[in-house]
N, C-alpha and C. Protein backbone atom coordinates (compact mmCIF):
# COMPACT_ATOMS: atom_id res chain seq x y z
N MET A 1 -4.63 -5.42 -17.33
CA MET A 1 -3.73 -4.36 -17.27
C MET A 1 -3.99 -3.81 -15.75
N PRO A 2 -2.89 -3.80 -14.71
CA PRO A 2 -3.26 -3.16 -13.44
C PRO A 2 -3.71 -1.57 -13.42
N ASN A 3 -4.54 -1.41 -12.22
CA ASN A 3 -4.70 0.04 -12.22
C ASN A 3 -3.67 0.71 -11.30
N HIS A 4 -3.36 1.94 -11.72
CA HIS A 4 -2.40 2.68 -10.75
C HIS A 4 -3.13 3.65 -9.92
N ASP A 5 -2.77 3.74 -8.58
CA ASP A 5 -3.42 4.43 -7.66
C ASP A 5 -2.32 5.01 -6.65
N THR A 6 -3.07 6.00 -5.90
CA THR A 6 -2.20 6.56 -4.97
C THR A 6 -3.11 6.40 -3.26
N GLY A 7 -2.40 6.40 -2.29
CA GLY A 7 -2.97 6.40 -1.23
C GLY A 7 -2.22 6.75 0.28
N THR A 8 -2.71 6.42 1.42
CA THR A 8 -2.12 6.85 2.54
C THR A 8 -1.90 5.40 3.45
N VAL A 9 -0.97 5.10 4.00
CA VAL A 9 -0.93 3.70 4.76
C VAL A 9 -1.78 4.15 6.09
N THR A 10 -2.85 3.17 6.33
CA THR A 10 -3.67 3.48 7.62
C THR A 10 -2.88 2.58 8.68
N THR A 11 -2.80 1.39 8.34
CA THR A 11 -2.26 0.25 9.46
C THR A 11 -1.11 -0.41 8.52
N PHE A 12 -0.10 -0.92 9.54
CA PHE A 12 1.02 -1.64 8.92
C PHE A 12 1.74 -2.33 10.31
N ASP A 13 1.56 -3.61 10.12
CA ASP A 13 1.99 -4.60 11.20
C ASP A 13 3.55 -5.05 10.58
N ARG A 14 4.66 -4.58 11.18
CA ARG A 14 5.74 -5.03 10.82
C ARG A 14 6.18 -6.50 11.03
N PHE A 15 5.54 -6.89 11.96
CA PHE A 15 5.98 -8.43 12.64
C PHE A 15 5.20 -9.18 11.79
N LYS A 16 4.05 -9.10 11.36
CA LYS A 16 3.16 -9.73 10.42
C LYS A 16 3.44 -9.74 9.16
N GLY A 17 3.92 -8.38 8.79
CA GLY A 17 4.16 -8.09 7.32
C GLY A 17 3.08 -7.75 6.51
N PHE A 18 1.99 -7.15 6.92
CA PHE A 18 1.02 -6.64 6.19
C PHE A 18 0.30 -5.62 6.74
N GLY A 19 -0.66 -4.80 5.97
CA GLY A 19 -1.15 -3.68 6.52
C GLY A 19 -2.43 -3.15 5.44
N PHE A 20 -2.77 -2.07 5.56
CA PHE A 20 -3.83 -1.48 4.38
C PHE A 20 -3.40 -0.08 4.29
N ILE A 21 -3.89 0.15 3.10
CA ILE A 21 -3.64 1.57 2.38
C ILE A 21 -5.09 2.34 2.07
N ARG A 22 -5.32 3.47 2.48
CA ARG A 22 -6.64 4.23 2.19
C ARG A 22 -6.33 4.91 0.90
N ARG A 23 -7.09 4.33 -0.32
CA ARG A 23 -6.77 4.98 -1.52
C ARG A 23 -7.65 6.28 -1.64
N ASP A 24 -7.03 7.08 -2.32
CA ASP A 24 -7.64 8.50 -2.66
C ASP A 24 -9.01 8.21 -3.05
N LYS A 25 -9.08 7.31 -4.19
CA LYS A 25 -10.58 7.04 -4.43
C LYS A 25 -10.82 5.51 -4.43
N GLY A 26 -11.83 5.26 -3.95
CA GLY A 26 -12.11 3.62 -3.69
C GLY A 26 -11.93 2.92 -2.34
N LYS A 27 -12.19 1.94 -2.37
CA LYS A 27 -11.97 1.00 -1.19
C LYS A 27 -10.66 0.74 -0.51
N ASP A 28 -10.25 0.58 0.71
CA ASP A 28 -9.07 0.54 1.29
C ASP A 28 -8.48 -0.80 0.52
N VAL A 29 -7.18 -0.93 0.48
CA VAL A 29 -6.52 -2.31 -0.04
C VAL A 29 -5.56 -2.77 0.86
N PHE A 30 -5.55 -4.09 0.74
CA PHE A 30 -4.62 -4.96 1.64
C PHE A 30 -3.37 -4.94 1.05
N PHE A 31 -2.16 -4.79 1.86
CA PHE A 31 -0.94 -5.11 1.02
C PHE A 31 0.01 -6.06 1.92
N MET A 32 0.99 -6.61 1.32
CA MET A 32 2.16 -7.43 2.13
C MET A 32 3.46 -6.73 1.98
N TYR A 33 4.38 -6.67 2.81
CA TYR A 33 5.54 -6.14 2.86
C TYR A 33 6.43 -6.40 1.75
N ASP A 34 6.40 -7.66 1.17
CA ASP A 34 7.03 -8.33 -0.02
C ASP A 34 6.86 -7.43 -1.44
N GLU A 35 5.74 -6.53 -1.23
CA GLU A 35 5.43 -5.80 -2.44
C GLU A 35 5.58 -4.29 -2.35
N VAL A 36 6.52 -4.01 -1.41
CA VAL A 36 7.06 -2.66 -1.27
C VAL A 36 8.21 -2.70 -1.86
N ASN A 37 8.52 -1.60 -2.88
CA ASN A 37 9.87 -1.41 -3.57
C ASN A 37 10.53 -0.17 -3.02
N GLY A 38 11.75 -0.10 -3.80
CA GLY A 38 12.72 1.09 -3.05
C GLY A 38 13.75 0.78 -2.05
N ASP A 39 14.52 1.75 -1.68
CA ASP A 39 15.36 1.52 -0.53
C ASP A 39 14.60 1.73 0.79
N ASP A 40 13.80 2.52 0.77
CA ASP A 40 13.13 2.72 2.08
C ASP A 40 11.60 1.89 2.24
N ARG A 41 11.89 0.42 2.44
CA ARG A 41 10.80 -0.48 2.52
C ARG A 41 10.22 -0.36 3.94
N ILE A 42 10.24 0.26 4.78
CA ILE A 42 9.67 0.39 6.08
C ILE A 42 8.58 1.34 5.91
N LEU A 43 7.19 1.00 5.90
CA LEU A 43 6.30 1.87 5.88
C LEU A 43 5.67 2.06 7.19
N SER A 44 5.18 3.40 7.50
CA SER A 44 4.38 3.59 8.75
C SER A 44 3.15 4.44 8.47
N VAL A 45 2.33 4.47 9.33
CA VAL A 45 1.06 4.92 9.29
C VAL A 45 1.25 6.42 8.87
N GLY A 46 0.47 6.94 7.91
CA GLY A 46 0.73 8.12 7.39
C GLY A 46 1.58 8.39 6.18
N ASP A 47 2.26 7.41 5.71
CA ASP A 47 3.22 7.24 4.70
C ASP A 47 2.31 7.53 3.49
N ILE A 48 2.57 8.25 2.37
CA ILE A 48 2.01 8.37 1.17
C ILE A 48 2.54 7.31 0.18
N VAL A 49 1.70 6.63 -0.70
CA VAL A 49 2.18 5.58 -1.55
C VAL A 49 1.70 5.60 -2.81
N GLU A 50 2.48 5.16 -4.02
CA GLU A 50 1.86 4.97 -5.39
C GLU A 50 1.78 3.31 -5.39
N PHE A 51 0.97 2.90 -6.38
CA PHE A 51 0.85 1.41 -6.03
C PHE A 51 -0.10 0.92 -7.43
N GLU A 52 -0.14 -0.59 -7.86
CA GLU A 52 -0.94 -0.94 -8.60
C GLU A 52 -1.81 -1.73 -7.75
N VAL A 53 -3.09 -1.60 -8.27
CA VAL A 53 -4.32 -2.43 -7.78
C VAL A 53 -4.79 -3.59 -8.35
N ARG A 54 -4.73 -4.79 -7.70
CA ARG A 54 -5.30 -6.01 -8.62
C ARG A 54 -6.38 -6.38 -8.00
N LEU A 55 -7.32 -7.08 -8.68
CA LEU A 55 -8.39 -7.74 -7.69
C LEU A 55 -8.49 -9.05 -7.54
N MET A 56 -8.32 -9.44 -6.42
CA MET A 56 -7.76 -10.53 -5.79
C MET A 56 -9.23 -11.41 -5.48
N PRO A 57 -9.04 -12.85 -5.12
CA PRO A 57 -10.39 -13.45 -4.56
C PRO A 57 -10.76 -12.75 -3.40
N LYS A 58 -9.99 -12.34 -2.50
CA LYS A 58 -10.57 -11.62 -1.18
C LYS A 58 -10.51 -10.16 -1.05
N GLY A 59 -10.40 -9.57 -2.48
CA GLY A 59 -10.84 -8.09 -2.62
C GLY A 59 -9.54 -7.71 -3.30
N PRO A 60 -9.61 -6.27 -3.48
CA PRO A 60 -8.52 -5.54 -4.02
C PRO A 60 -7.05 -5.59 -3.07
N ARG A 61 -6.04 -5.66 -3.79
CA ARG A 61 -4.85 -5.77 -3.08
C ARG A 61 -3.58 -4.89 -3.94
N ALA A 62 -2.81 -4.30 -3.36
CA ALA A 62 -1.80 -3.25 -3.61
C ALA A 62 -0.53 -4.32 -4.13
N PHE A 63 -0.01 -3.85 -5.10
CA PHE A 63 1.36 -4.42 -5.49
C PHE A 63 2.28 -3.24 -6.03
N ASN A 64 3.56 -3.65 -6.09
CA ASN A 64 4.66 -2.71 -6.73
C ASN A 64 4.53 -1.12 -5.94
N ILE A 65 4.32 -1.30 -4.52
CA ILE A 65 4.37 0.01 -3.74
C ILE A 65 5.48 0.68 -3.51
N LYS A 66 5.33 2.15 -3.74
CA LYS A 66 6.49 3.04 -3.66
C LYS A 66 6.06 4.20 -2.75
N LYS A 67 6.98 4.41 -1.88
CA LYS A 67 6.77 5.61 -0.89
C LYS A 67 7.02 6.79 -1.63
N THR A 68 6.03 7.69 -1.48
CA THR A 68 6.27 8.93 -2.26
C THR A 68 6.46 10.16 -1.10
N GLY A 69 6.03 10.04 0.20
CA GLY A 69 6.10 10.93 0.95
C GLY A 69 5.49 10.72 2.29
N SER A 70 5.14 11.56 3.05
CA SER A 70 4.66 11.17 4.51
C SER A 70 3.54 12.48 5.02
N LEU A 71 2.50 12.21 5.62
CA LEU A 71 1.73 13.01 6.24
C LEU A 71 2.25 13.61 7.27
N TYR A 72 3.11 13.25 8.22
CA TYR A 72 3.97 13.64 9.39
C TYR A 72 5.14 13.92 9.01
């Protein structure tokens, strides 16, 4: 069963399609653009998101990402 978490987007490369989320508790997690859900799928630095964390061979990764707000 995946863990549900919240955090803030710290980097996102639109051309390469990946970035990192700083979790409220725990290590930063990697994400791929394909895992962003909802109408507003373009994330920016400072966006607040909810997501599931799964432990992958290269470390924790975010899935089922949903934008919930923004710091800016």
